[in-house]
Amino acid sequence: MSEIPAFDIKASADAGFDQAREAQLAAALVRCAAGDRAALQMIYASEAAKMIGVARRILFRSDLAEEAVHDAFVRIWRSAASFDPHRGSARGWLYAVVRNRALSIHRNEHRYDASDESA
């Protein structure tokens, strides 16, 4: 006789929460594209702390991580219209913006380090 797999209530609830959160983020990005500053504030309140964590893991410095997230939110505000929900999730789009900005800062920091050593 085969065993019936256990139903994970927490995982099921988390999946529903994630879908609702994703829908909120996608709607907020659409509103950002229309110039709604409150939508950007909602995204910031919801995601900024986690974004700083992502940037800190790339940059290893809190000050640069905060700079990356600040720059990312400026970019999110200006580029929200380029978000396409058919190409990926809103959360994925947001974190790609942060990751790309953190990587740019990381490259620039290493560029300066290399020029300092040769001087």
N, C-alpha and C. Protein backbone atom coordinates (compact mmCIF):
# COMPACT_ATOMS: atom_id res chain seq x y z
N MET A 1 0.82 -1.17 0.00
CA MET A 1 0.00 0.00 0.00
C MET A 1 0.88 1.25 0.00
N SER A 2 0.56 2.20 -0.83
CA SER A 2 1.37 3.43 -0.87
C SER A 2 0.86 4.41 0.19
N GLU A 3 1.80 5.18 0.69
CA GLU A 3 1.45 6.16 1.72
C GLU A 3 0.90 7.42 1.08
N ILE A 4 -0.02 8.03 1.76
CA ILE A 4 -0.57 9.31 1.31
C ILE A 4 0.35 10.40 1.84
N PRO A 5 0.85 11.29 0.95
CA PRO A 5 1.74 12.34 1.43
C PRO A 5 1.00 13.30 2.37
N ALA A 6 1.72 13.77 3.36
CA ALA A 6 1.15 14.71 4.32
C ALA A 6 0.90 16.05 3.65
N PHE A 7 -0.19 16.67 4.01
CA PHE A 7 -0.52 17.99 3.49
C PHE A 7 0.13 19.04 4.39
N ASP A 8 0.90 19.90 3.81
CA ASP A 8 1.61 20.93 4.58
C ASP A 8 0.77 22.21 4.58
N ILE A 9 0.06 22.44 5.68
CA ILE A 9 -0.82 23.61 5.77
C ILE A 9 -0.03 24.91 5.68
N LYS A 10 1.12 24.97 6.35
CA LYS A 10 1.93 26.19 6.33
C LYS A 10 2.41 26.51 4.91
N ALA A 11 2.89 25.50 4.19
CA ALA A 11 3.36 25.73 2.82
C ALA A 11 2.22 26.20 1.94
N SER A 12 1.05 25.63 2.12
CA SER A 12 -0.11 26.04 1.34
C SER A 12 -0.50 27.49 1.66
N ALA A 13 -0.48 27.85 2.92
CA ALA A 13 -0.80 29.23 3.32
C ALA A 13 0.24 30.20 2.79
N ASP A 14 1.53 29.81 2.86
CA ASP A 14 2.60 30.67 2.35
C ASP A 14 2.45 30.90 0.85
N ALA A 15 2.06 29.87 0.11
CA ALA A 15 1.88 30.01 -1.34
C ALA A 15 0.78 31.02 -1.64
N GLY A 16 -0.32 30.97 -0.88
CA GLY A 16 -1.40 31.93 -1.07
C GLY A 16 -0.97 33.34 -0.73
N PHE A 17 -0.19 33.47 0.35
CA PHE A 17 0.33 34.78 0.75
C PHE A 17 1.26 35.32 -0.33
N ASP A 18 2.14 34.48 -0.85
CA ASP A 18 3.08 34.92 -1.89
C ASP A 18 2.35 35.37 -3.14
N GLN A 19 1.28 34.67 -3.51
CA GLN A 19 0.52 35.07 -4.69
C GLN A 19 -0.17 36.41 -4.46
N ALA A 20 -0.71 36.61 -3.28
CA ALA A 20 -1.36 37.89 -2.97
C ALA A 20 -0.34 39.01 -2.95
N ARG A 21 0.82 38.74 -2.36
CA ARG A 21 1.88 39.75 -2.30
C ARG A 21 2.39 40.09 -3.70
N GLU A 22 2.54 39.07 -4.53
CA GLU A 22 2.98 39.29 -5.91
C GLU A 22 1.98 40.16 -6.66
N ALA A 23 0.70 39.89 -6.47
CA ALA A 23 -0.34 40.69 -7.13
C ALA A 23 -0.28 42.14 -6.65
N GLN A 24 -0.03 42.35 -5.36
CA GLN A 24 0.09 43.71 -4.83
C GLN A 24 1.29 44.43 -5.42
N LEU A 25 2.42 43.73 -5.52
CA LEU A 25 3.63 44.35 -6.08
C LEU A 25 3.43 44.69 -7.55
N ALA A 26 2.82 43.78 -8.30
CA ALA A 26 2.58 44.03 -9.72
C ALA A 26 1.65 45.24 -9.90
N ALA A 27 0.60 45.31 -9.09
CA ALA A 27 -0.32 46.45 -9.17
C ALA A 27 0.39 47.74 -8.78
N ALA A 28 1.26 47.67 -7.78
CA ALA A 28 2.00 48.86 -7.35
C ALA A 28 2.95 49.33 -8.45
N LEU A 29 3.58 48.41 -9.17
CA LEU A 29 4.46 48.81 -10.27
C LEU A 29 3.66 49.49 -11.39
N VAL A 30 2.48 48.98 -11.67
CA VAL A 30 1.63 49.61 -12.69
C VAL A 30 1.26 51.02 -12.24
N ARG A 31 0.94 51.18 -10.95
CA ARG A 31 0.60 52.50 -10.43
C ARG A 31 1.82 53.43 -10.43
N CYS A 32 3.01 52.88 -10.16
CA CYS A 32 4.25 53.69 -10.24
C CYS A 32 4.42 54.22 -11.65
N ALA A 33 4.19 53.37 -12.63
CA ALA A 33 4.33 53.78 -14.02
C ALA A 33 3.38 54.93 -14.35
N ALA A 34 2.25 54.99 -13.64
CA ALA A 34 1.27 56.07 -13.84
C ALA A 34 1.57 57.29 -12.97
N GLY A 35 2.67 57.23 -12.19
CA GLY A 35 3.06 58.38 -11.39
C GLY A 35 2.55 58.39 -9.96
N ASP A 36 2.11 57.25 -9.45
CA ASP A 36 1.56 57.16 -8.09
C ASP A 36 2.69 56.96 -7.08
N ARG A 37 3.03 58.02 -6.36
CA ARG A 37 4.13 57.95 -5.38
C ARG A 37 3.79 57.05 -4.20
N ALA A 38 2.53 56.98 -3.84
CA ALA A 38 2.12 56.11 -2.73
C ALA A 38 2.42 54.65 -3.06
N ALA A 39 2.33 54.29 -4.33
CA ALA A 39 2.65 52.92 -4.74
C ALA A 39 4.13 52.63 -4.53
N LEU A 40 4.98 53.60 -4.86
CA LEU A 40 6.41 53.42 -4.64
C LEU A 40 6.70 53.31 -3.14
N GLN A 41 6.02 54.10 -2.34
CA GLN A 41 6.19 54.02 -0.88
C GLN A 41 5.77 52.65 -0.35
N MET A 42 4.70 52.09 -0.92
CA MET A 42 4.25 50.75 -0.51
C MET A 42 5.31 49.71 -0.85
N ILE A 43 5.89 49.81 -2.04
CA ILE A 43 6.94 48.86 -2.43
C ILE A 43 8.13 49.01 -1.49
N TYR A 44 8.50 50.25 -1.20
CA TYR A 44 9.63 50.50 -0.31
C TYR A 44 9.37 49.90 1.07
N ALA A 45 8.20 50.16 1.63
CA ALA A 45 7.87 49.64 2.96
C ALA A 45 7.88 48.11 2.98
N SER A 46 7.45 47.52 1.90
CA SER A 46 7.35 46.07 1.83
C SER A 46 8.68 45.38 1.56
N GLU A 47 9.53 45.98 0.73
CA GLU A 47 10.69 45.26 0.20
C GLU A 47 12.06 45.84 0.54
N ALA A 48 12.15 47.07 0.98
CA ALA A 48 13.46 47.73 1.13
C ALA A 48 14.41 46.99 2.06
N ALA A 49 13.93 46.51 3.19
CA ALA A 49 14.82 45.82 4.14
C ALA A 49 15.42 44.57 3.51
N LYS A 50 14.60 43.81 2.79
CA LYS A 50 15.11 42.60 2.13
C LYS A 50 16.06 42.97 0.99
N MET A 51 15.75 44.05 0.29
CA MET A 51 16.63 44.49 -0.80
C MET A 51 18.00 44.90 -0.26
N ILE A 52 18.02 45.57 0.88
CA ILE A 52 19.30 45.95 1.49
C ILE A 52 20.09 44.69 1.83
N GLY A 53 19.41 43.66 2.30
CA GLY A 53 20.08 42.39 2.58
C GLY A 53 20.70 41.78 1.34
N VAL A 54 19.97 41.82 0.23
CA VAL A 54 20.50 41.29 -1.04
C VAL A 54 21.72 42.10 -1.46
N ALA A 55 21.61 43.40 -1.42
CA ALA A 55 22.72 44.26 -1.83
C ALA A 55 23.92 44.09 -0.90
N ARG A 56 23.67 43.91 0.38
CA ARG A 56 24.77 43.73 1.35
C ARG A 56 25.54 42.44 1.07
N ARG A 57 24.83 41.39 0.64
CA ARG A 57 25.52 40.14 0.32
C ARG A 57 26.41 40.28 -0.91
N ILE A 58 26.11 41.21 -1.77
CA ILE A 58 26.94 41.46 -2.96
C ILE A 58 28.09 42.40 -2.62
N LEU A 59 27.79 43.43 -1.83
CA LEU A 59 28.75 44.52 -1.62
C LEU A 59 29.55 44.41 -0.32
N PHE A 60 29.08 43.64 0.65
CA PHE A 60 29.76 43.45 1.93
C PHE A 60 29.90 44.73 2.75
N ARG A 61 29.15 45.77 2.40
CA ARG A 61 29.19 47.03 3.15
C ARG A 61 27.79 47.60 3.21
N SER A 62 27.37 47.96 4.41
CA SER A 62 26.02 48.49 4.61
C SER A 62 25.81 49.81 3.89
N ASP A 63 26.82 50.69 3.92
CA ASP A 63 26.65 52.00 3.28
C ASP A 63 26.46 51.85 1.77
N LEU A 64 27.22 50.96 1.15
CA LEU A 64 27.06 50.74 -0.29
C LEU A 64 25.75 50.02 -0.60
N ALA A 65 25.33 49.13 0.29
CA ALA A 65 24.05 48.44 0.09
C ALA A 65 22.89 49.43 0.12
N GLU A 66 22.94 50.36 1.07
CA GLU A 66 21.89 51.38 1.15
C GLU A 66 21.91 52.28 -0.08
N GLU A 67 23.10 52.61 -0.56
CA GLU A 67 23.22 53.40 -1.79
C GLU A 67 22.62 52.65 -2.98
N ALA A 68 22.91 51.36 -3.07
CA ALA A 68 22.38 50.55 -4.17
C ALA A 68 20.86 50.51 -4.14
N VAL A 69 20.29 50.36 -2.96
CA VAL A 69 18.83 50.31 -2.85
C VAL A 69 18.22 51.67 -3.16
N HIS A 70 18.85 52.73 -2.70
CA HIS A 70 18.37 54.08 -3.03
C HIS A 70 18.36 54.27 -4.54
N ASP A 71 19.49 53.97 -5.18
CA ASP A 71 19.59 54.11 -6.63
C ASP A 71 18.58 53.21 -7.34
N ALA A 72 18.37 52.02 -6.80
CA ALA A 72 17.42 51.09 -7.40
C ALA A 72 16.00 51.65 -7.35
N PHE A 73 15.64 52.29 -6.25
CA PHE A 73 14.29 52.85 -6.16
C PHE A 73 14.10 54.03 -7.11
N VAL A 74 15.14 54.79 -7.34
CA VAL A 74 15.06 55.84 -8.35
C VAL A 74 14.82 55.20 -9.72
N ARG A 75 15.56 54.14 -9.99
CA ARG A 75 15.42 53.44 -11.27
C ARG A 75 14.04 52.77 -11.38
N ILE A 76 13.56 52.20 -10.29
CA ILE A 76 12.23 51.58 -10.29
C ILE A 76 11.17 52.63 -10.63
N TRP A 77 11.28 53.80 -10.02
CA TRP A 77 10.33 54.89 -10.28
C TRP A 77 10.35 55.29 -11.75
N ARG A 78 11.54 55.44 -12.29
CA ARG A 78 11.68 55.90 -13.67
C ARG A 78 11.35 54.82 -14.70
N SER A 79 11.54 53.55 -14.34
CA SER A 79 11.42 52.47 -15.32
C SER A 79 10.25 51.53 -15.06
N ALA A 80 9.37 51.87 -14.15
CA ALA A 80 8.26 50.97 -13.81
C ALA A 80 7.43 50.59 -15.03
N ALA A 81 7.34 51.47 -16.00
CA ALA A 81 6.56 51.18 -17.20
C ALA A 81 7.15 50.03 -18.01
N SER A 82 8.43 49.72 -17.80
CA SER A 82 9.05 48.63 -18.55
C SER A 82 8.76 47.26 -17.93
N PHE A 83 8.14 47.23 -16.75
CA PHE A 83 7.77 45.95 -16.14
C PHE A 83 6.68 45.30 -16.96
N ASP A 84 6.89 44.03 -17.32
CA ASP A 84 5.92 43.26 -18.09
C ASP A 84 5.59 41.99 -17.32
N PRO A 85 4.39 41.89 -16.76
CA PRO A 85 4.04 40.71 -15.96
C PRO A 85 4.05 39.41 -16.76
N HIS A 86 4.02 39.49 -18.08
CA HIS A 86 4.07 38.28 -18.91
C HIS A 86 5.49 37.73 -19.02
N ARG A 87 6.48 38.55 -18.70
CA ARG A 87 7.88 38.13 -18.80
C ARG A 87 8.44 37.64 -17.47
N GLY A 88 7.79 37.97 -16.37
CA GLY A 88 8.28 37.53 -15.06
C GLY A 88 7.52 38.19 -13.94
N SER A 89 7.89 37.83 -12.73
CA SER A 89 7.19 38.34 -11.55
C SER A 89 7.64 39.76 -11.22
N ALA A 90 6.77 40.48 -10.55
CA ALA A 90 7.10 41.84 -10.10
C ALA A 90 8.26 41.79 -9.12
N ARG A 91 8.22 40.83 -8.22
CA ARG A 91 9.29 40.71 -7.23
C ARG A 91 10.62 40.41 -7.91
N GLY A 92 10.60 39.53 -8.89
CA GLY A 92 11.82 39.22 -9.64
C GLY A 92 12.37 40.45 -10.34
N TRP A 93 11.46 41.25 -10.91
CA TRP A 93 11.88 42.47 -11.62
C TRP A 93 12.52 43.45 -10.64
N LEU A 94 11.87 43.63 -9.48
CA LEU A 94 12.39 44.56 -8.47
C LEU A 94 13.78 44.14 -7.99
N TYR A 95 13.94 42.86 -7.70
CA TYR A 95 15.22 42.39 -7.17
C TYR A 95 16.30 42.35 -8.25
N ALA A 96 15.91 42.21 -9.50
CA ALA A 96 16.89 42.30 -10.58
C ALA A 96 17.44 43.72 -10.67
N VAL A 97 16.58 44.71 -10.48
CA VAL A 97 17.03 46.11 -10.50
C VAL A 97 18.04 46.34 -9.37
N VAL A 98 17.74 45.85 -8.18
CA VAL A 98 18.65 46.01 -7.04
C VAL A 98 19.95 45.26 -7.29
N ARG A 99 19.84 44.02 -7.72
CA ARG A 99 21.04 43.21 -7.97
C ARG A 99 21.93 43.87 -9.01
N ASN A 100 21.35 44.33 -10.10
CA ASN A 100 22.14 44.96 -11.15
C ASN A 100 22.82 46.23 -10.66
N ARG A 101 22.12 47.01 -9.85
CA ARG A 101 22.73 48.23 -9.32
C ARG A 101 23.86 47.89 -8.35
N ALA A 102 23.66 46.89 -7.51
CA ALA A 102 24.71 46.47 -6.57
C ALA A 102 25.92 45.95 -7.33
N LEU A 103 25.70 45.19 -8.38
CA LEU A 103 26.83 44.68 -9.17
C LEU A 103 27.58 45.81 -9.86
N SER A 104 26.87 46.83 -10.33
CA SER A 104 27.53 47.99 -10.94
C SER A 104 28.40 48.71 -9.91
N ILE A 105 27.87 48.90 -8.72
CA ILE A 105 28.65 49.55 -7.66
C ILE A 105 29.86 48.69 -7.32
N HIS A 106 29.68 47.39 -7.25
CA HIS A 106 30.79 46.46 -6.95
C HIS A 106 31.89 46.59 -8.01
N ARG A 107 31.49 46.60 -9.27
CA ARG A 107 32.48 46.76 -10.36
C ARG A 107 33.20 48.09 -10.24
N ASN A 108 32.46 49.16 -9.98
CA ASN A 108 33.08 50.48 -9.85
C ASN A 108 34.04 50.54 -8.67
N GLU A 109 33.69 49.92 -7.57
CA GLU A 109 34.57 49.91 -6.40
C GLU A 109 35.88 49.18 -6.73
N HIS A 110 35.79 48.08 -7.44
CA HIS A 110 37.00 47.33 -7.79
C HIS A 110 37.83 48.07 -8.83
N ARG A 111 37.17 48.81 -9.67
CA ARG A 111 37.89 49.61 -10.67
C ARG A 111 38.76 50.65 -9.97
N TYR A 112 38.19 51.29 -8.94
CA TYR A 112 38.95 52.29 -8.18
C TYR A 112 40.08 51.63 -7.38
N ASP A 113 39.82 50.45 -6.81
CA ASP A 113 40.85 49.75 -6.06
C ASP A 113 42.04 49.41 -6.95
N ALA A 114 41.78 48.96 -8.16
CA ALA A 114 42.86 48.60 -9.08
C ALA A 114 43.67 49.82 -9.48
N SER A 115 43.01 50.96 -9.69
CA SER A 115 43.74 52.16 -10.09
C SER A 115 44.54 52.72 -8.91
N ASP A 116 44.05 52.54 -7.68
CA ASP A 116 44.79 52.99 -6.50
C ASP A 116 46.08 52.19 -6.32
N GLU A 117 46.04 50.90 -6.61
CA GLU A 117 47.21 50.04 -6.44
C GLU A 117 48.30 50.35 -7.45
N SER A 118 47.90 50.76 -8.65
CA SER A 118 48.90 51.02 -9.69
C SER A 118 49.55 52.39 -9.54
N ALA A 119 48.97 53.26 -8.73
CA ALA A 119 49.50 54.61 -8.55
C ALA A 119 50.67 54.66 -7.61
